[in-house]
Amino acid sequence: MNNYFKVLRPGINSTFQDLGRFGLQHLGIAPSGCMDRSLFSLSNKLVGNKVSEGVLEFAYQGPLLELVGESAFVAVSGKVNFNIINKNNKIKQGVPNESFIISNGEKIDILSTINSVYGYFSIFGGFKIEEAKGSVSTLVRAKIGPNNGDKLKVNDKIFFNKPYQTDNFKKIQFNFE
């Protein structure tokens, strides 16, 4: 089964980012990469990923995403106001900087950051995104990176690698140092 998030609202500046691509400045390619390394790293740690795994970065207002497929283990990091909307349109306030499970047909509505600019959305096992020049960071000005080097748009599909299964989480060891 294809597992993906359908983009219902893209947010203001939602792009895929990792730690950046380096060593290409002599070719005019900026390193790009996440704007807040600590929140980026926290987002990955919350779902048990390698710290360098690509995540979805958003500024001020994030996307409204609907899950299509199997359940996913996700996290939203930063000072972020967001809701989880179930299949019956019942709204539950999301808790940032904690991981949670989202199921088929549910939505994540990232409304705004709070007294900050950036926030991050991560998923256990990572998103299915292609590397470009050694990184999955999106550099919009140069049209380099996932999503054809562009910000998210309405009706985009964000595919991910691993659906939520309880046996996946026996292997995760959270190591907050």
N, C-alpha and C. Protein backbone atom coordinates (compact mmCIF):
# COMPACT_ATOMS: atom_id res chain seq x y z
N MET A 1 0.84 -1.19 0.00
CA MET A 1 0.00 0.00 0.00
C MET A 1 0.88 1.25 0.00
N ASN A 2 0.51 2.23 -0.81
CA ASN A 2 1.23 3.50 -0.79
C ASN A 2 0.80 4.30 0.41
N ASN A 3 1.76 4.75 1.17
CA ASN A 3 1.51 5.56 2.35
C ASN A 3 2.01 6.97 2.07
N TYR A 4 1.12 7.93 2.22
CA TYR A 4 1.53 9.31 1.97
C TYR A 4 0.64 10.29 2.71
N PHE A 5 1.14 11.52 2.77
CA PHE A 5 0.35 12.64 3.27
C PHE A 5 -0.06 13.47 2.07
N LYS A 6 -1.35 13.78 1.99
CA LYS A 6 -1.85 14.67 0.94
C LYS A 6 -1.80 16.09 1.49
N VAL A 7 -1.23 17.02 0.73
CA VAL A 7 -1.12 18.40 1.15
C VAL A 7 -2.43 19.12 0.83
N LEU A 8 -3.15 19.50 1.89
CA LEU A 8 -4.41 20.24 1.73
C LEU A 8 -4.17 21.75 1.78
N ARG A 9 -3.13 22.16 2.51
CA ARG A 9 -2.67 23.55 2.55
C ARG A 9 -1.15 23.47 2.72
N PRO A 10 -0.39 24.16 1.88
CA PRO A 10 1.06 23.99 1.94
C PRO A 10 1.76 24.73 3.07
N GLY A 11 1.13 25.75 3.64
CA GLY A 11 1.84 26.58 4.62
C GLY A 11 2.62 27.66 3.89
N ILE A 12 3.29 28.49 4.66
CA ILE A 12 3.97 29.65 4.07
C ILE A 12 5.27 29.28 3.38
N ASN A 13 6.11 28.51 4.01
CA ASN A 13 7.40 28.14 3.43
C ASN A 13 7.75 26.73 3.89
N SER A 14 7.07 25.73 3.34
CA SER A 14 7.26 24.34 3.75
C SER A 14 8.14 23.63 2.74
N THR A 15 9.33 23.20 3.18
CA THR A 15 10.30 22.53 2.32
C THR A 15 10.94 21.38 3.08
N PHE A 16 11.51 20.43 2.34
CA PHE A 16 12.28 19.36 2.96
C PHE A 16 13.69 19.87 3.23
N GLN A 17 14.22 19.53 4.41
CA GLN A 17 15.56 19.97 4.78
C GLN A 17 16.28 18.87 5.55
N ASP A 18 17.60 18.90 5.46
CA ASP A 18 18.46 18.09 6.33
C ASP A 18 19.57 19.01 6.82
N LEU A 19 20.75 18.49 7.06
CA LEU A 19 21.84 19.32 7.57
C LEU A 19 22.51 20.17 6.49
N GLY A 20 22.18 19.94 5.22
CA GLY A 20 22.69 20.76 4.13
C GLY A 20 23.66 20.02 3.22
N ARG A 21 24.01 20.69 2.11
CA ARG A 21 24.98 20.14 1.17
C ARG A 21 26.16 21.11 1.12
N PHE A 22 27.33 20.57 1.37
CA PHE A 22 28.51 21.41 1.49
C PHE A 22 29.54 21.07 0.42
N GLY A 23 30.44 21.98 0.17
CA GLY A 23 31.52 21.76 -0.79
C GLY A 23 31.14 22.11 -2.22
N LEU A 24 30.01 22.75 -2.41
CA LEU A 24 29.59 23.10 -3.78
C LEU A 24 29.48 24.62 -3.97
N GLN A 25 29.91 25.38 -2.98
CA GLN A 25 29.81 26.83 -3.08
C GLN A 25 30.60 27.37 -4.26
N HIS A 26 31.71 26.71 -4.61
CA HIS A 26 32.52 27.17 -5.75
C HIS A 26 31.75 27.04 -7.07
N LEU A 27 30.68 26.27 -7.06
CA LEU A 27 29.82 26.13 -8.24
C LEU A 27 28.59 27.04 -8.14
N GLY A 28 28.53 27.83 -7.07
CA GLY A 28 27.40 28.74 -6.88
C GLY A 28 26.20 28.10 -6.19
N ILE A 29 26.40 26.91 -5.60
CA ILE A 29 25.31 26.21 -4.91
C ILE A 29 25.47 26.41 -3.41
N ALA A 30 24.53 27.14 -2.83
CA ALA A 30 24.55 27.40 -1.39
C ALA A 30 24.30 26.11 -0.61
N PRO A 31 24.82 26.00 0.61
CA PRO A 31 24.65 24.77 1.39
C PRO A 31 23.19 24.45 1.73
N SER A 32 22.36 25.46 1.87
CA SER A 32 20.97 25.31 2.32
C SER A 32 20.94 24.51 3.62
N GLY A 33 19.96 23.68 3.85
CA GLY A 33 19.86 22.93 5.09
C GLY A 33 18.93 23.61 6.07
N CYS A 34 18.67 22.92 7.18
CA CYS A 34 17.72 23.40 8.18
C CYS A 34 18.17 24.72 8.78
N MET A 35 17.20 25.52 9.19
CA MET A 35 17.49 26.82 9.78
C MET A 35 17.73 26.73 11.29
N ASP A 36 17.19 25.73 11.95
CA ASP A 36 17.36 25.57 13.41
C ASP A 36 17.82 24.15 13.68
N ARG A 37 19.13 23.98 13.82
CA ARG A 37 19.70 22.63 13.98
C ARG A 37 19.19 21.90 15.22
N SER A 38 18.99 22.61 16.32
CA SER A 38 18.56 21.92 17.54
C SER A 38 17.13 21.39 17.39
N LEU A 39 16.22 22.19 16.84
CA LEU A 39 14.85 21.70 16.63
C LEU A 39 14.80 20.61 15.57
N PHE A 40 15.61 20.75 14.52
CA PHE A 40 15.71 19.72 13.48
C PHE A 40 16.15 18.39 14.11
N SER A 41 17.20 18.43 14.92
CA SER A 41 17.72 17.21 15.57
C SER A 41 16.70 16.63 16.53
N LEU A 42 16.04 17.49 17.31
CA LEU A 42 15.03 17.03 18.25
C LEU A 42 13.90 16.31 17.51
N SER A 43 13.47 16.87 16.41
CA SER A 43 12.37 16.26 15.64
C SER A 43 12.72 14.84 15.23
N ASN A 44 13.94 14.64 14.76
CA ASN A 44 14.37 13.29 14.37
C ASN A 44 14.51 12.36 15.57
N LYS A 45 15.04 12.88 16.67
CA LYS A 45 15.20 12.04 17.87
C LYS A 45 13.85 11.58 18.41
N LEU A 46 12.85 12.44 18.32
CA LEU A 46 11.52 12.10 18.84
C LEU A 46 10.89 10.90 18.15
N VAL A 47 11.29 10.63 16.91
CA VAL A 47 10.72 9.48 16.18
C VAL A 47 11.75 8.37 15.98
N GLY A 48 12.93 8.52 16.58
CA GLY A 48 13.94 7.46 16.53
C GLY A 48 14.74 7.40 15.25
N ASN A 49 14.80 8.49 14.50
CA ASN A 49 15.59 8.54 13.26
C ASN A 49 17.03 8.94 13.54
N LYS A 50 17.89 8.72 12.52
CA LYS A 50 19.23 9.30 12.56
C LYS A 50 19.05 10.82 12.60
N VAL A 51 19.94 11.51 13.26
CA VAL A 51 19.83 12.97 13.38
C VAL A 51 19.85 13.64 12.01
N SER A 52 20.47 13.02 11.02
CA SER A 52 20.61 13.64 9.70
C SER A 52 19.44 13.38 8.75
N GLU A 53 18.44 12.62 9.17
CA GLU A 53 17.30 12.28 8.30
C GLU A 53 16.56 13.55 7.86
N GLY A 54 16.13 13.58 6.61
CA GLY A 54 15.40 14.73 6.10
C GLY A 54 14.03 14.87 6.75
N VAL A 55 13.64 16.11 7.05
CA VAL A 55 12.34 16.42 7.66
C VAL A 55 11.67 17.53 6.87
N LEU A 56 10.43 17.81 7.24
CA LEU A 56 9.71 18.91 6.64
C LEU A 56 9.86 20.13 7.54
N GLU A 57 10.45 21.19 6.99
CA GLU A 57 10.64 22.44 7.74
C GLU A 57 9.56 23.42 7.28
N PHE A 58 9.00 24.16 8.23
CA PHE A 58 8.00 25.17 7.89
C PHE A 58 8.31 26.46 8.64
N ALA A 59 7.86 27.57 8.08
CA ALA A 59 8.07 28.88 8.70
C ALA A 59 6.72 29.54 8.96
N TYR A 60 6.54 30.01 10.18
CA TYR A 60 5.34 30.73 10.63
C TYR A 60 4.08 29.89 10.61
N GLN A 61 3.64 29.44 9.45
CA GLN A 61 2.47 28.56 9.36
C GLN A 61 2.90 27.32 8.58
N GLY A 62 2.56 26.15 9.11
CA GLY A 62 2.91 24.91 8.45
C GLY A 62 1.77 24.39 7.60
N PRO A 63 1.95 23.20 7.08
CA PRO A 63 0.94 22.63 6.20
C PRO A 63 -0.23 22.00 6.95
N LEU A 64 -1.29 21.76 6.21
CA LEU A 64 -2.41 20.92 6.63
C LEU A 64 -2.26 19.64 5.81
N LEU A 65 -2.02 18.53 6.49
CA LEU A 65 -1.72 17.25 5.84
C LEU A 65 -2.73 16.20 6.23
N GLU A 66 -3.18 15.40 5.26
CA GLU A 66 -4.07 14.27 5.53
C GLU A 66 -3.33 12.98 5.24
N LEU A 67 -3.36 12.05 6.20
CA LEU A 67 -2.69 10.76 6.01
C LEU A 67 -3.56 9.83 5.18
N VAL A 68 -2.95 9.26 4.15
CA VAL A 68 -3.60 8.25 3.32
C VAL A 68 -2.74 6.99 3.43
N GLY A 69 -3.32 5.91 3.95
CA GLY A 69 -2.56 4.68 4.10
C GLY A 69 -2.48 4.26 5.55
N GLU A 70 -1.42 3.53 5.87
CA GLU A 70 -1.27 2.98 7.20
C GLU A 70 -0.83 4.05 8.20
N SER A 71 -0.97 3.74 9.47
CA SER A 71 -0.61 4.67 10.55
C SER A 71 0.86 5.07 10.47
N ALA A 72 1.17 6.24 11.03
CA ALA A 72 2.54 6.75 11.03
C ALA A 72 2.89 7.28 12.41
N PHE A 73 4.17 7.16 12.76
CA PHE A 73 4.71 7.65 14.03
C PHE A 73 5.44 8.95 13.70
N VAL A 74 4.94 10.08 14.21
CA VAL A 74 5.42 11.39 13.78
C VAL A 74 5.69 12.31 14.97
N ALA A 75 6.29 13.47 14.68
CA ALA A 75 6.52 14.49 15.70
C ALA A 75 6.54 15.86 15.05
N VAL A 76 6.11 16.86 15.81
CA VAL A 76 6.22 18.26 15.41
C VAL A 76 7.08 18.92 16.47
N SER A 77 8.20 19.52 16.06
CA SER A 77 9.10 20.14 17.03
C SER A 77 9.11 21.65 16.87
N GLY A 78 9.37 22.32 17.98
CA GLY A 78 9.42 23.77 18.02
C GLY A 78 8.29 24.31 18.87
N LYS A 79 8.22 25.64 18.95
CA LYS A 79 7.09 26.29 19.63
C LYS A 79 5.99 26.42 18.60
N VAL A 80 5.13 25.40 18.54
CA VAL A 80 4.17 25.27 17.45
C VAL A 80 2.76 25.01 17.98
N ASN A 81 1.80 25.71 17.40
CA ASN A 81 0.39 25.49 17.68
C ASN A 81 -0.16 24.63 16.53
N PHE A 82 -0.59 23.39 16.86
CA PHE A 82 -1.15 22.53 15.82
C PHE A 82 -2.27 21.67 16.38
N ASN A 83 -3.10 21.19 15.47
CA ASN A 83 -4.21 20.32 15.83
C ASN A 83 -4.11 18.99 15.09
N ILE A 84 -4.71 17.98 15.70
CA ILE A 84 -4.89 16.69 15.05
C ILE A 84 -6.40 16.54 14.85
N ILE A 85 -6.81 16.30 13.62
CA ILE A 85 -8.22 16.21 13.28
C ILE A 85 -8.53 14.77 12.89
N ASN A 86 -9.44 14.11 13.64
CA ASN A 86 -9.74 12.71 13.33
C ASN A 86 -10.72 12.61 12.16
N LYS A 87 -11.07 11.38 11.79
CA LYS A 87 -11.94 11.14 10.63
C LYS A 87 -13.32 11.76 10.79
N ASN A 88 -13.76 11.96 12.04
CA ASN A 88 -15.08 12.57 12.30
C ASN A 88 -14.98 14.08 12.48
N ASN A 89 -13.84 14.65 12.09
CA ASN A 89 -13.56 16.09 12.22
C ASN A 89 -13.53 16.58 13.66
N LYS A 90 -13.29 15.67 14.60
CA LYS A 90 -13.09 16.07 15.98
C LYS A 90 -11.65 16.58 16.12
N ILE A 91 -11.49 17.75 16.72
CA ILE A 91 -10.18 18.40 16.81
C ILE A 91 -9.58 18.20 18.19
N LYS A 92 -8.30 17.81 18.19
CA LYS A 92 -7.55 17.65 19.44
C LYS A 92 -6.30 18.52 19.32
N GLN A 93 -6.03 19.28 20.38
CA GLN A 93 -4.83 20.14 20.39
C GLN A 93 -3.58 19.25 20.39
N GLY A 94 -2.67 19.51 19.47
CA GLY A 94 -1.42 18.76 19.40
C GLY A 94 -0.44 19.25 20.44
N VAL A 95 0.47 18.38 20.84
CA VAL A 95 1.50 18.73 21.82
C VAL A 95 2.85 18.72 21.10
N PRO A 96 3.47 19.90 20.95
CA PRO A 96 4.77 19.93 20.27
C PRO A 96 5.85 19.26 21.10
N ASN A 97 6.89 18.82 20.40
CA ASN A 97 8.07 18.20 21.01
C ASN A 97 7.75 16.87 21.70
N GLU A 98 6.70 16.21 21.22
CA GLU A 98 6.35 14.85 21.64
C GLU A 98 5.97 14.07 20.40
N SER A 99 6.32 12.80 20.35
CA SER A 99 5.93 11.97 19.21
C SER A 99 4.52 11.42 19.44
N PHE A 100 3.84 11.09 18.33
CA PHE A 100 2.48 10.55 18.42
C PHE A 100 2.17 9.75 17.16
N ILE A 101 1.09 8.99 17.23
CA ILE A 101 0.66 8.16 16.10
C ILE A 101 -0.50 8.85 15.42
N ILE A 102 -0.46 8.87 14.11
CA ILE A 102 -1.58 9.39 13.31
C ILE A 102 -2.04 8.26 12.40
N SER A 103 -3.36 8.15 12.21
CA SER A 103 -3.94 7.03 11.46
C SER A 103 -4.55 7.49 10.15
N ASN A 104 -4.85 6.52 9.30
CA ASN A 104 -5.45 6.79 7.99
C ASN A 104 -6.65 7.72 8.11
N GLY A 105 -6.68 8.75 7.28
CA GLY A 105 -7.79 9.69 7.24
C GLY A 105 -7.70 10.83 8.23
N GLU A 106 -6.75 10.75 9.16
CA GLU A 106 -6.58 11.84 10.11
C GLU A 106 -5.72 12.95 9.49
N LYS A 107 -5.85 14.15 10.06
CA LYS A 107 -5.13 15.30 9.53
C LYS A 107 -4.29 15.94 10.62
N ILE A 108 -3.19 16.52 10.21
CA ILE A 108 -2.36 17.35 11.07
C ILE A 108 -2.45 18.76 10.50
N ASP A 109 -2.91 19.69 11.32
CA ASP A 109 -3.07 21.07 10.90
C ASP A 109 -2.09 21.94 11.70
N ILE A 110 -0.97 22.29 11.08
CA ILE A 110 0.06 23.09 11.74
C ILE A 110 -0.31 24.56 11.52
N LEU A 111 -0.92 25.14 12.56
CA LEU A 111 -1.51 26.47 12.46
C LEU A 111 -0.49 27.59 12.47
N SER A 112 0.46 27.55 13.42
CA SER A 112 1.43 28.63 13.50
C SER A 112 2.56 28.28 14.45
N THR A 113 3.67 28.97 14.25
CA THR A 113 4.72 28.94 15.26
C THR A 113 4.37 30.01 16.28
N ILE A 114 4.92 29.89 17.48
CA ILE A 114 4.61 30.81 18.57
C ILE A 114 5.89 31.54 18.98
N ASN A 115 5.95 32.84 18.72
CA ASN A 115 7.13 33.65 19.06
C ASN A 115 8.42 33.06 18.50
N SER A 116 8.33 32.41 17.36
CA SER A 116 9.50 31.85 16.68
C SER A 116 9.16 31.73 15.20
N VAL A 117 10.13 31.38 14.40
CA VAL A 117 9.90 31.30 12.96
C VAL A 117 9.73 29.87 12.48
N TYR A 118 10.64 28.97 12.88
CA TYR A 118 10.69 27.64 12.27
C TYR A 118 10.16 26.53 13.17
N GLY A 119 9.60 25.52 12.52
CA GLY A 119 9.18 24.30 13.16
C GLY A 119 9.47 23.14 12.21
N TYR A 120 9.39 21.91 12.72
CA TYR A 120 9.75 20.73 11.94
C TYR A 120 8.75 19.61 12.14
N PHE A 121 8.51 18.87 11.07
CA PHE A 121 7.63 17.71 11.08
C PHE A 121 8.45 16.52 10.61
N SER A 122 8.56 15.50 11.46
CA SER A 122 9.35 14.31 11.13
C SER A 122 8.49 13.06 11.24
N ILE A 123 8.98 11.99 10.62
CA ILE A 123 8.27 10.72 10.62
C ILE A 123 9.27 9.58 10.80
N PHE A 124 8.89 8.59 11.58
CA PHE A 124 9.74 7.42 11.79
C PHE A 124 10.08 6.79 10.44
N GLY A 125 11.37 6.54 10.20
CA GLY A 125 11.83 5.93 8.96
C GLY A 125 12.06 6.91 7.84
N GLY A 126 11.62 8.14 8.02
CA GLY A 126 11.90 9.18 7.03
C GLY A 126 10.89 9.25 5.89
N PHE A 127 10.98 10.35 5.16
CA PHE A 127 10.16 10.56 3.97
C PHE A 127 10.86 9.94 2.77
N LYS A 128 10.09 9.54 1.76
CA LYS A 128 10.66 9.02 0.51
C LYS A 128 11.00 10.22 -0.37
N ILE A 129 12.21 10.73 -0.18
CA ILE A 129 12.65 11.89 -0.95
C ILE A 129 14.03 11.61 -1.52
N GLU A 130 14.29 12.15 -2.70
CA GLU A 130 15.54 11.90 -3.42
C GLU A 130 16.63 12.90 -3.02
N GLU A 131 17.83 12.37 -2.88
CA GLU A 131 18.99 13.24 -2.64
C GLU A 131 19.36 13.95 -3.93
N ALA A 132 19.86 15.17 -3.79
CA ALA A 132 20.43 15.90 -4.92
C ALA A 132 21.75 16.48 -4.45
N LYS A 133 22.83 16.08 -5.07
CA LYS A 133 24.17 16.54 -4.71
C LYS A 133 24.48 16.26 -3.24
N GLY A 134 24.09 15.07 -2.76
CA GLY A 134 24.45 14.63 -1.41
C GLY A 134 23.57 15.12 -0.29
N SER A 135 22.39 15.67 -0.61
CA SER A 135 21.52 16.20 0.44
C SER A 135 20.07 16.12 -0.02
N VAL A 136 19.14 16.10 0.96
CA VAL A 136 17.72 16.17 0.62
C VAL A 136 17.17 17.57 0.93
N SER A 137 18.05 18.53 1.16
CA SER A 137 17.60 19.90 1.41
C SER A 137 17.10 20.54 0.13
N THR A 138 16.02 21.30 0.27
CA THR A 138 15.45 22.02 -0.86
C THR A 138 16.06 23.42 -0.90
N LEU A 139 16.57 23.78 -2.05
CA LEU A 139 17.09 25.13 -2.30
C LEU A 139 16.22 25.73 -3.40
N VAL A 140 15.18 26.45 -2.99
CA VAL A 140 14.14 26.91 -3.91
C VAL A 140 14.71 27.82 -5.00
N ARG A 141 15.59 28.75 -4.63
CA ARG A 141 16.12 29.69 -5.64
C ARG A 141 16.81 28.98 -6.79
N ALA A 142 17.45 27.85 -6.50
CA ALA A 142 18.18 27.11 -7.53
C ALA A 142 17.38 25.92 -8.07
N LYS A 143 16.17 25.68 -7.52
CA LYS A 143 15.34 24.54 -7.93
C LYS A 143 16.09 23.21 -7.76
N ILE A 144 16.75 23.07 -6.60
CA ILE A 144 17.50 21.85 -6.28
C ILE A 144 16.83 21.19 -5.09
N GLY A 145 16.72 19.86 -5.15
CA GLY A 145 16.21 19.11 -4.01
C GLY A 145 14.88 18.44 -4.29
N PRO A 146 14.30 17.83 -3.25
CA PRO A 146 13.03 17.11 -3.40
C PRO A 146 11.91 18.04 -3.86
N ASN A 147 10.84 17.44 -4.32
CA ASN A 147 9.66 18.19 -4.76
C ASN A 147 10.04 19.14 -5.90
N ASN A 148 10.92 18.67 -6.77
CA ASN A 148 11.42 19.46 -7.90
C ASN A 148 12.05 20.78 -7.46
N GLY A 149 12.66 20.77 -6.27
CA GLY A 149 13.33 21.96 -5.76
C GLY A 149 12.37 23.08 -5.40
N ASP A 150 11.14 22.72 -5.03
CA ASP A 150 10.13 23.74 -4.77
C ASP A 150 9.50 23.54 -3.39
N LYS A 151 8.78 24.57 -2.94
CA LYS A 151 7.99 24.48 -1.72
C LYS A 151 6.82 23.54 -1.96
N LEU A 152 6.18 23.08 -0.88
CA LEU A 152 4.98 22.27 -1.02
C LEU A 152 3.87 23.06 -1.70
N LYS A 153 3.04 22.35 -2.44
CA LYS A 153 1.87 22.94 -3.08
C LYS A 153 0.64 22.10 -2.75
N VAL A 154 -0.54 22.68 -2.87
CA VAL A 154 -1.80 21.97 -2.64
C VAL A 154 -1.84 20.74 -3.56
N ASN A 155 -2.30 19.63 -3.00
CA ASN A 155 -2.44 18.33 -3.67
C ASN A 155 -1.14 17.57 -3.89
N ASP A 156 0.00 18.11 -3.44
CA ASP A 156 1.23 17.31 -3.47
C ASP A 156 1.02 16.09 -2.58
N LYS A 157 1.76 15.03 -2.87
CA LYS A 157 1.75 13.82 -2.05
C LYS A 157 3.14 13.66 -1.45
N ILE A 158 3.19 13.47 -0.14
CA ILE A 158 4.46 13.27 0.56
C ILE A 158 4.50 11.80 0.99
N PHE A 159 5.28 11.01 0.28
CA PHE A 159 5.39 9.59 0.58
C PHE A 159 6.40 9.37 1.71
N PHE A 160 6.20 8.29 2.47
CA PHE A 160 7.13 7.98 3.54
C PHE A 160 7.49 6.50 3.50
N ASN A 161 8.58 6.16 4.20
CA ASN A 161 9.19 4.84 4.08
C ASN A 161 8.56 3.72 4.89
N LYS A 162 8.18 3.98 6.14
CA LYS A 162 7.75 2.90 7.02
C LYS A 162 6.44 3.22 7.72
N PRO A 163 5.42 2.41 7.51
CA PRO A 163 4.20 2.62 8.30
C PRO A 163 4.45 2.23 9.75
N TYR A 164 3.59 2.71 10.63
CA TYR A 164 3.70 2.40 12.05
C TYR A 164 3.34 0.95 12.29
N GLN A 165 4.24 0.23 12.93
CA GLN A 165 3.98 -1.14 13.38
C GLN A 165 4.66 -1.28 14.73
N THR A 166 3.98 -1.91 15.66
CA THR A 166 4.54 -1.96 17.01
C THR A 166 5.91 -2.62 17.07
N ASP A 167 6.19 -3.59 16.20
CA ASP A 167 7.50 -4.24 16.25
C ASP A 167 8.62 -3.29 15.80
N ASN A 168 8.30 -2.24 15.03
CA ASN A 168 9.31 -1.25 14.66
C ASN A 168 9.86 -0.55 15.89
N PHE A 169 9.04 -0.37 16.91
CA PHE A 169 9.41 0.47 18.03
C PHE A 169 10.14 -0.28 19.13
N LYS A 170 10.23 -1.59 19.02
CA LYS A 170 11.05 -2.33 19.97
C LYS A 170 12.52 -2.01 19.72
N LYS A 171 12.84 -1.58 18.49
CA LYS A 171 14.22 -1.31 18.11
C LYS A 171 14.65 0.11 18.43
N ILE A 172 13.72 1.00 18.67
CA ILE A 172 14.06 2.40 18.90
C ILE A 172 14.56 2.58 20.33
N GLN A 173 15.69 3.24 20.44
CA GLN A 173 16.20 3.61 21.75
C GLN A 173 16.39 5.11 21.76
N PHE A 174 15.65 5.78 22.60
CA PHE A 174 15.76 7.21 22.69
C PHE A 174 16.94 7.54 23.58
N ASN A 175 17.85 8.33 23.07
CA ASN A 175 19.08 8.65 23.79
C ASN A 175 19.23 10.16 23.85
N PHE A 176 18.58 10.79 24.81
CA PHE A 176 18.64 12.25 24.93
C PHE A 176 19.83 12.61 25.80
N GLU A 177 20.83 13.19 25.17
CA GLU A 177 22.05 13.58 25.89
C GLU A 177 22.26 15.07 25.77
